[in-house]
Each structure stands twice: as structure tokens, then as C-alpha cells.
Amino acid sequence: MKELYNLLGQDIIIKECDDDQFNILNDKHTVYLKLENIKEDKNIDWIIEDEFKINYNFEKMEFSIYRLNWLTNNWDKKSCKLEKIIDMELWIDNSSIEIFINEGEKVFSSRIYRKHEKISISGNLCGELIAKNIDR
């Protein structure tokens, strides 16, 4: 895993819509995101490419990912119970997404097939967000 961190390139400019929301439109094929210092009383609601959603409901203590099923056009869901989220890392490339929660306490992997050259990510900030390109 340390080798991957050596591939981290330039910071991505995050276009904030307002104090609580962010929007990234990046022309690279691979992206790294890290969310730290997460506010304990905030839900996480992120959308990636209109085909993948990340949600943490702090009242239910449930972390969920949703992927649009290409055959049925319904949302497939995977979830787990988490008392709190300390940090979250995302590694996104052309066809997959890897999510590491609480330094790898929980890990999610999923296939994604992006329709656009640029990657679009939006959601609520709820903490400090680092976004970087991955140089290959």
C-alpha cells in the first residue's frame, strides 16, 4: 500500500458550492480522496459519477455504498454498522473504487464504469477533504 502513496500527484482544486458542499470535476482518470476530522454529528452523502453513492447515517451508525446496477437500473446496496468514522480514503480509477474507513477497519471495493472522460464527485464536506491526482 505504501507504493500507492508514492503515486499521489498534484492537489485537485475543490470547487465549493457553499460552506457545506463540495464539487470536483477532474480530467484525470485516477483520483485519491481523504476525509479527516469528520464531524461526529454529520451524515456523509457523496455521489460519484451519478452511478455510485456513499452514505453514513450517524444516528443509525450505518455506512452504506450504493452502485447503480447496469442490468436492472436499480441501486445495489452494501452496508455495515460503524459507531463513528474517524477518516475515510477513496482510491478511484477507470473501473473500480476502493474505500478504506478508519484506517482500514472496514474496506469496500466495487466496480464502476465511468461514462465520461472527467470524473465528477460531489457531496457534503463534514470534515477536512484532501483530493489528489494519482500519477501513473
N, C-alpha and C. Protein backbone atom coordinates (compact mmCIF):
# COMPACT_ATOMS: atom_id res chain seq x y z
N MET A 1 0.82 -1.20 0.00
CA MET A 1 0.00 0.00 0.00
C MET A 1 0.86 1.26 0.00
N LYS A 2 2.03 1.22 0.62
CA LYS A 2 2.89 2.40 0.66
C LYS A 2 3.28 2.85 -0.74
N GLU A 3 3.41 1.90 -1.66
CA GLU A 3 3.77 2.24 -3.03
C GLU A 3 2.72 3.14 -3.67
N LEU A 4 1.46 2.92 -3.33
CA LEU A 4 0.40 3.74 -3.88
C LEU A 4 0.52 5.20 -3.46
N TYR A 5 0.88 5.43 -2.20
CA TYR A 5 1.03 6.80 -1.73
C TYR A 5 2.13 7.54 -2.48
N ASN A 6 3.13 6.82 -2.97
CA ASN A 6 4.19 7.44 -3.76
C ASN A 6 3.68 7.94 -5.11
N LEU A 7 2.51 7.46 -5.54
CA LEU A 7 1.94 7.88 -6.81
C LEU A 7 1.07 9.13 -6.71
N LEU A 8 0.85 9.61 -5.49
CA LEU A 8 -0.01 10.78 -5.33
C LEU A 8 0.64 12.00 -5.95
N GLY A 9 -0.13 12.68 -6.79
CA GLY A 9 0.38 13.84 -7.52
C GLY A 9 -0.15 15.14 -6.97
N GLN A 10 -0.49 16.03 -7.88
CA GLN A 10 -0.93 17.37 -7.51
C GLN A 10 -2.29 17.37 -6.85
N ASP A 11 -2.50 18.40 -6.02
CA ASP A 11 -3.80 18.59 -5.41
C ASP A 11 -4.83 18.92 -6.47
N ILE A 12 -6.04 18.48 -6.23
CA ILE A 12 -7.17 18.80 -7.11
C ILE A 12 -7.87 20.00 -6.52
N ILE A 13 -8.23 20.94 -7.36
CA ILE A 13 -8.97 22.11 -6.87
C ILE A 13 -10.41 21.69 -6.60
N ILE A 14 -10.85 21.96 -5.39
CA ILE A 14 -12.21 21.64 -4.99
C ILE A 14 -13.06 22.88 -5.13
N LYS A 15 -14.06 22.79 -5.96
CA LYS A 15 -14.97 23.92 -6.14
C LYS A 15 -16.08 23.76 -5.12
N GLU A 16 -16.10 24.64 -4.14
CA GLU A 16 -17.12 24.56 -3.11
C GLU A 16 -18.36 25.33 -3.56
N CYS A 17 -19.51 24.68 -3.40
CA CYS A 17 -20.77 25.34 -3.76
C CYS A 17 -21.22 26.29 -2.66
N ASP A 18 -21.06 25.87 -1.42
CA ASP A 18 -21.31 26.72 -0.26
C ASP A 18 -20.48 26.17 0.90
N ASP A 19 -20.76 26.60 2.11
CA ASP A 19 -19.94 26.21 3.26
C ASP A 19 -19.95 24.71 3.53
N ASP A 20 -20.98 24.00 3.10
CA ASP A 20 -21.12 22.60 3.50
C ASP A 20 -20.97 21.62 2.33
N GLN A 21 -20.92 22.10 1.11
CA GLN A 21 -20.91 21.21 -0.05
C GLN A 21 -19.62 21.36 -0.85
N PHE A 22 -19.24 20.30 -1.56
CA PHE A 22 -18.11 20.39 -2.47
C PHE A 22 -18.48 19.74 -3.79
N ASN A 23 -17.72 20.12 -4.82
CA ASN A 23 -17.92 19.56 -6.14
C ASN A 23 -16.56 19.50 -6.82
N ILE A 24 -16.20 18.32 -7.33
CA ILE A 24 -14.94 18.13 -8.03
C ILE A 24 -15.26 17.66 -9.43
N LEU A 25 -14.66 18.30 -10.41
CA LEU A 25 -14.71 17.82 -11.78
C LEU A 25 -13.26 17.74 -12.23
N ASN A 26 -12.75 16.52 -12.37
CA ASN A 26 -11.33 16.31 -12.60
C ASN A 26 -11.13 15.60 -13.93
N ASP A 27 -10.13 16.04 -14.69
CA ASP A 27 -9.89 15.45 -16.01
C ASP A 27 -8.92 14.28 -15.98
N LYS A 28 -8.47 13.87 -14.82
CA LYS A 28 -7.60 12.70 -14.70
C LYS A 28 -8.46 11.45 -14.52
N HIS A 29 -7.89 10.30 -14.85
CA HIS A 29 -8.64 9.05 -14.75
C HIS A 29 -8.59 8.43 -13.37
N THR A 30 -7.63 8.86 -12.55
CA THR A 30 -7.47 8.27 -11.23
C THR A 30 -7.42 9.37 -10.17
N VAL A 31 -8.13 9.14 -9.06
CA VAL A 31 -8.28 10.16 -8.03
C VAL A 31 -8.15 9.53 -6.66
N TYR A 32 -7.54 10.28 -5.74
CA TYR A 32 -7.42 9.90 -4.33
C TYR A 32 -8.12 10.96 -3.51
N LEU A 33 -8.97 10.52 -2.59
CA LEU A 33 -9.64 11.44 -1.66
C LEU A 33 -9.44 10.95 -0.24
N LYS A 34 -9.20 11.87 0.67
CA LYS A 34 -9.14 11.52 2.08
C LYS A 34 -9.94 12.53 2.86
N LEU A 35 -10.85 12.02 3.67
CA LEU A 35 -11.69 12.84 4.55
C LEU A 35 -11.23 12.60 5.97
N GLU A 36 -10.85 13.67 6.67
CA GLU A 36 -10.36 13.57 8.05
C GLU A 36 -11.13 14.52 8.95
N ASN A 37 -10.90 14.38 10.26
CA ASN A 37 -11.54 15.26 11.25
C ASN A 37 -13.03 15.40 10.99
N ILE A 38 -13.68 14.27 10.82
CA ILE A 38 -15.09 14.23 10.47
C ILE A 38 -15.94 14.65 11.67
N LYS A 39 -16.89 15.52 11.41
CA LYS A 39 -17.79 15.97 12.47
C LYS A 39 -18.69 14.81 12.88
N GLU A 40 -18.76 14.56 14.17
CA GLU A 40 -19.47 13.37 14.66
C GLU A 40 -20.98 13.44 14.47
N ASP A 41 -21.54 14.63 14.34
CA ASP A 41 -22.99 14.74 14.24
C ASP A 41 -23.46 14.99 12.81
N LYS A 42 -22.61 14.67 11.83
CA LYS A 42 -22.97 14.92 10.43
C LYS A 42 -23.06 13.61 9.65
N ASN A 43 -24.06 13.53 8.80
CA ASN A 43 -24.14 12.42 7.85
C ASN A 43 -23.18 12.69 6.71
N ILE A 44 -22.74 11.64 6.06
CA ILE A 44 -21.93 11.77 4.84
C ILE A 44 -22.82 11.36 3.67
N ASP A 45 -22.91 12.22 2.68
CA ASP A 45 -23.68 11.94 1.47
C ASP A 45 -22.86 12.39 0.27
N TRP A 46 -22.29 11.43 -0.46
CA TRP A 46 -21.46 11.73 -1.63
C TRP A 46 -22.01 11.00 -2.85
N ILE A 47 -21.83 11.60 -4.00
CA ILE A 47 -22.21 10.98 -5.28
C ILE A 47 -20.99 11.02 -6.20
N ILE A 48 -20.69 9.89 -6.81
CA ILE A 48 -19.58 9.79 -7.75
C ILE A 48 -20.15 9.36 -9.09
N GLU A 49 -20.00 10.23 -10.09
CA GLU A 49 -20.41 9.91 -11.46
C GLU A 49 -21.89 9.54 -11.60
N ASP A 50 -22.73 9.96 -10.73
CA ASP A 50 -24.17 9.65 -10.79
C ASP A 50 -24.47 8.16 -10.76
N GLU A 51 -23.45 7.33 -10.52
CA GLU A 51 -23.64 5.88 -10.52
C GLU A 51 -23.22 5.23 -9.21
N PHE A 52 -22.65 6.02 -8.31
CA PHE A 52 -22.14 5.45 -7.06
C PHE A 52 -22.39 6.45 -5.94
N LYS A 53 -22.93 5.96 -4.83
CA LYS A 53 -23.23 6.83 -3.70
C LYS A 53 -22.57 6.28 -2.44
N ILE A 54 -22.14 7.19 -1.59
CA ILE A 54 -21.58 6.85 -0.29
C ILE A 54 -22.42 7.56 0.76
N ASN A 55 -22.84 6.82 1.78
CA ASN A 55 -23.66 7.42 2.83
C ASN A 55 -23.24 6.89 4.19
N TYR A 56 -23.14 7.79 5.16
CA TYR A 56 -23.00 7.39 6.56
C TYR A 56 -24.09 8.09 7.33
N ASN A 57 -24.95 7.30 7.98
CA ASN A 57 -26.02 7.83 8.81
C ASN A 57 -25.56 7.71 10.26
N PHE A 58 -25.20 8.86 10.87
CA PHE A 58 -24.62 8.79 12.21
C PHE A 58 -25.65 8.37 13.26
N GLU A 59 -26.94 8.64 13.05
CA GLU A 59 -27.95 8.23 14.03
C GLU A 59 -28.13 6.71 14.04
N LYS A 60 -28.12 6.10 12.86
CA LYS A 60 -28.24 4.65 12.75
C LYS A 60 -26.89 3.94 12.88
N MET A 61 -25.80 4.73 12.85
CA MET A 61 -24.43 4.20 12.86
C MET A 61 -24.25 3.19 11.72
N GLU A 62 -24.68 3.58 10.52
CA GLU A 62 -24.62 2.70 9.37
C GLU A 62 -23.89 3.38 8.22
N PHE A 63 -22.88 2.69 7.68
CA PHE A 63 -22.16 3.15 6.49
C PHE A 63 -22.65 2.32 5.32
N SER A 64 -22.97 2.98 4.22
CA SER A 64 -23.51 2.26 3.05
C SER A 64 -22.89 2.79 1.77
N ILE A 65 -22.74 1.87 0.81
CA ILE A 65 -22.41 2.27 -0.55
C ILE A 65 -23.53 1.76 -1.45
N TYR A 66 -23.81 2.52 -2.49
CA TYR A 66 -24.85 2.17 -3.46
C TYR A 66 -24.22 2.25 -4.84
N ARG A 67 -24.45 1.23 -5.63
CA ARG A 67 -23.97 1.23 -7.01
C ARG A 67 -25.15 0.98 -7.93
N LEU A 68 -25.23 1.77 -8.98
CA LEU A 68 -26.30 1.59 -9.94
C LEU A 68 -26.06 0.31 -10.72
N ASN A 69 -27.01 -0.60 -10.67
CA ASN A 69 -26.92 -1.88 -11.38
C ASN A 69 -27.19 -1.63 -12.86
N TRP A 70 -26.21 -1.99 -13.71
CA TRP A 70 -26.32 -1.71 -15.14
C TRP A 70 -27.40 -2.54 -15.82
N LEU A 71 -27.75 -3.69 -15.27
CA LEU A 71 -28.76 -4.53 -15.89
C LEU A 71 -30.18 -4.14 -15.49
N THR A 72 -30.37 -3.88 -14.20
CA THR A 72 -31.73 -3.60 -13.70
C THR A 72 -32.02 -2.12 -13.55
N ASN A 73 -30.99 -1.28 -13.55
CA ASN A 73 -31.11 0.15 -13.31
C ASN A 73 -31.61 0.46 -11.90
N ASN A 74 -31.48 -0.50 -10.98
CA ASN A 74 -31.79 -0.30 -9.57
C ASN A 74 -30.49 -0.10 -8.80
N TRP A 75 -30.60 0.37 -7.57
CA TRP A 75 -29.42 0.59 -6.73
C TRP A 75 -29.12 -0.65 -5.91
N ASP A 76 -27.90 -1.19 -6.05
CA ASP A 76 -27.42 -2.26 -5.17
C ASP A 76 -26.79 -1.61 -3.95
N LYS A 77 -27.00 -2.21 -2.79
CA LYS A 77 -26.52 -1.61 -1.54
C LYS A 77 -25.67 -2.60 -0.77
N LYS A 78 -24.55 -2.10 -0.20
CA LYS A 78 -23.74 -2.83 0.77
C LYS A 78 -23.60 -1.92 1.97
N SER A 79 -23.68 -2.48 3.17
CA SER A 79 -23.58 -1.61 4.35
C SER A 79 -22.98 -2.36 5.52
N CYS A 80 -22.59 -1.60 6.53
CA CYS A 80 -22.07 -2.17 7.77
C CYS A 80 -22.36 -1.18 8.90
N LYS A 81 -22.32 -1.69 10.10
CA LYS A 81 -22.50 -0.86 11.29
C LYS A 81 -21.15 -0.26 11.68
N LEU A 82 -21.13 1.02 11.99
CA LEU A 82 -19.94 1.71 12.46
C LEU A 82 -20.35 2.73 13.51
N GLU A 83 -19.73 2.65 14.67
CA GLU A 83 -20.07 3.61 15.73
C GLU A 83 -19.71 5.03 15.32
N LYS A 84 -18.55 5.19 14.68
CA LYS A 84 -18.17 6.50 14.19
C LYS A 84 -17.14 6.33 13.08
N ILE A 85 -16.99 7.38 12.31
CA ILE A 85 -15.99 7.39 11.25
C ILE A 85 -14.94 8.43 11.63
N ILE A 86 -13.70 7.99 11.72
CA ILE A 86 -12.59 8.89 12.04
C ILE A 86 -12.00 9.45 10.75
N ASP A 87 -11.80 8.57 9.76
CA ASP A 87 -11.31 9.01 8.47
C ASP A 87 -11.80 8.05 7.39
N MET A 88 -11.71 8.52 6.15
CA MET A 88 -12.14 7.72 5.01
C MET A 88 -11.24 8.05 3.83
N GLU A 89 -10.69 7.01 3.19
CA GLU A 89 -9.87 7.17 1.99
C GLU A 89 -10.56 6.51 0.81
N LEU A 90 -10.52 7.17 -0.33
CA LEU A 90 -11.07 6.62 -1.56
C LEU A 90 -9.99 6.63 -2.63
N TRP A 91 -9.85 5.51 -3.32
CA TRP A 91 -8.98 5.38 -4.48
C TRP A 91 -9.89 5.04 -5.65
N ILE A 92 -9.94 5.91 -6.65
CA ILE A 92 -10.86 5.74 -7.77
C ILE A 92 -10.06 5.70 -9.07
N ASP A 93 -10.34 4.71 -9.91
CA ASP A 93 -9.72 4.68 -11.24
C ASP A 93 -10.80 4.45 -12.29
N ASN A 94 -10.42 4.02 -13.47
CA ASN A 94 -11.38 3.88 -14.57
C ASN A 94 -12.51 2.90 -14.30
N SER A 95 -12.24 1.86 -13.52
CA SER A 95 -13.27 0.83 -13.38
C SER A 95 -13.49 0.35 -11.95
N SER A 96 -12.84 0.96 -10.98
CA SER A 96 -13.04 0.49 -9.61
C SER A 96 -12.93 1.62 -8.60
N ILE A 97 -13.47 1.35 -7.43
CA ILE A 97 -13.37 2.26 -6.31
C ILE A 97 -13.05 1.43 -5.08
N GLU A 98 -12.08 1.89 -4.29
CA GLU A 98 -11.68 1.25 -3.04
C GLU A 98 -11.91 2.26 -1.93
N ILE A 99 -12.57 1.84 -0.86
CA ILE A 99 -12.87 2.73 0.26
C ILE A 99 -12.31 2.10 1.52
N PHE A 100 -11.49 2.86 2.23
CA PHE A 100 -10.89 2.42 3.49
C PHE A 100 -11.41 3.34 4.59
N ILE A 101 -12.08 2.75 5.58
CA ILE A 101 -12.67 3.53 6.66
C ILE A 101 -11.92 3.23 7.95
N ASN A 102 -11.64 4.30 8.70
CA ASN A 102 -10.93 4.18 9.98
C ASN A 102 -9.63 3.41 9.83
N GLU A 103 -8.82 3.89 8.88
CA GLU A 103 -7.50 3.30 8.63
C GLU A 103 -7.58 1.81 8.31
N GLY A 104 -8.62 1.42 7.58
CA GLY A 104 -8.75 0.04 7.13
C GLY A 104 -9.58 -0.86 8.03
N GLU A 105 -10.22 -0.30 9.05
CA GLU A 105 -11.10 -1.11 9.91
C GLU A 105 -12.19 -1.77 9.07
N LYS A 106 -12.74 -1.01 8.14
CA LYS A 106 -13.72 -1.51 7.17
C LYS A 106 -13.25 -1.13 5.78
N VAL A 107 -13.41 -2.05 4.83
CA VAL A 107 -12.98 -1.81 3.46
C VAL A 107 -14.10 -2.22 2.51
N PHE A 108 -14.35 -1.38 1.53
CA PHE A 108 -15.33 -1.68 0.49
C PHE A 108 -14.63 -1.56 -0.86
N SER A 109 -14.94 -2.48 -1.76
CA SER A 109 -14.45 -2.44 -3.13
C SER A 109 -15.63 -2.61 -4.06
N SER A 110 -15.59 -1.90 -5.16
CA SER A 110 -16.68 -2.04 -6.12
C SER A 110 -16.19 -1.69 -7.51
N ARG A 111 -16.86 -2.25 -8.50
CA ARG A 111 -16.60 -1.91 -9.90
C ARG A 111 -17.44 -0.69 -10.25
N ILE A 112 -16.86 0.20 -11.00
CA ILE A 112 -17.61 1.31 -11.57
C ILE A 112 -17.16 1.45 -13.02
N TYR A 113 -18.06 1.83 -13.86
CA TYR A 113 -17.72 2.07 -15.25
C TYR A 113 -18.16 3.48 -15.59
N ARG A 114 -17.20 4.35 -15.63
CA ARG A 114 -17.48 5.76 -15.84
C ARG A 114 -17.86 6.03 -17.28
N LYS A 115 -18.82 6.90 -17.46
CA LYS A 115 -19.33 7.24 -18.79
C LYS A 115 -18.60 8.43 -19.40
N HIS A 116 -17.89 9.20 -18.57
CA HIS A 116 -17.29 10.45 -19.02
C HIS A 116 -15.78 10.42 -18.86
N GLU A 117 -15.10 11.25 -19.62
CA GLU A 117 -13.65 11.38 -19.51
C GLU A 117 -13.26 11.99 -18.17
N LYS A 118 -14.04 12.98 -17.72
CA LYS A 118 -13.76 13.64 -16.45
C LYS A 118 -14.53 12.93 -15.34
N ILE A 119 -13.93 12.90 -14.16
CA ILE A 119 -14.61 12.29 -13.02
C ILE A 119 -15.29 13.38 -12.21
N SER A 120 -16.53 13.12 -11.83
CA SER A 120 -17.33 14.07 -11.08
C SER A 120 -17.63 13.50 -9.70
N ILE A 121 -17.33 14.27 -8.66
CA ILE A 121 -17.59 13.85 -7.28
C ILE A 121 -18.20 15.04 -6.56
N SER A 122 -19.29 14.82 -5.84
CA SER A 122 -19.90 15.91 -5.08
C SER A 122 -20.48 15.36 -3.79
N GLY A 123 -20.67 16.26 -2.84
CA GLY A 123 -21.25 15.85 -1.57
C GLY A 123 -21.06 16.90 -0.49
N ASN A 124 -21.28 16.48 0.74
CA ASN A 124 -21.11 17.40 1.86
C ASN A 124 -19.71 17.25 2.44
N LEU A 125 -19.15 18.35 2.92
CA LEU A 125 -17.77 18.33 3.41
C LEU A 125 -17.65 17.60 4.74
N CYS A 126 -18.37 17.98 5.75
CA CYS A 126 -18.43 17.31 7.06
C CYS A 126 -17.05 16.96 7.65
N GLY A 127 -16.00 17.63 7.21
CA GLY A 127 -14.65 17.39 7.70
C GLY A 127 -13.64 18.02 6.76
N GLU A 128 -12.37 17.67 6.92
CA GLU A 128 -11.31 18.20 6.06
C GLU A 128 -11.08 17.23 4.90
N LEU A 129 -11.15 17.73 3.68
CA LEU A 129 -11.04 16.90 2.50
C LEU A 129 -9.74 17.19 1.76
N ILE A 130 -9.00 16.14 1.48
CA ILE A 130 -7.80 16.21 0.64
C ILE A 130 -8.13 15.48 -0.65
N ALA A 131 -7.82 16.08 -1.78
CA ALA A 131 -8.07 15.46 -3.07
C ALA A 131 -6.82 15.60 -3.91
N LYS A 132 -6.36 14.48 -4.48
CA LYS A 132 -5.13 14.47 -5.27
C LYS A 132 -5.32 13.60 -6.51
N ASN A 133 -4.59 13.97 -7.56
CA ASN A 133 -4.49 13.10 -8.72
C ASN A 133 -3.54 11.96 -8.38
N ILE A 134 -3.69 10.86 -9.08
CA ILE A 134 -2.76 9.74 -8.94
C ILE A 134 -1.97 9.67 -10.24
N ASP A 135 -0.67 9.87 -10.13
CA ASP A 135 0.20 9.82 -11.30
C ASP A 135 0.56 8.38 -11.61
N ARG A 136 0.41 7.98 -12.88
CA ARG A 136 0.76 6.63 -13.27
C ARG A 136 1.86 6.62 -14.28
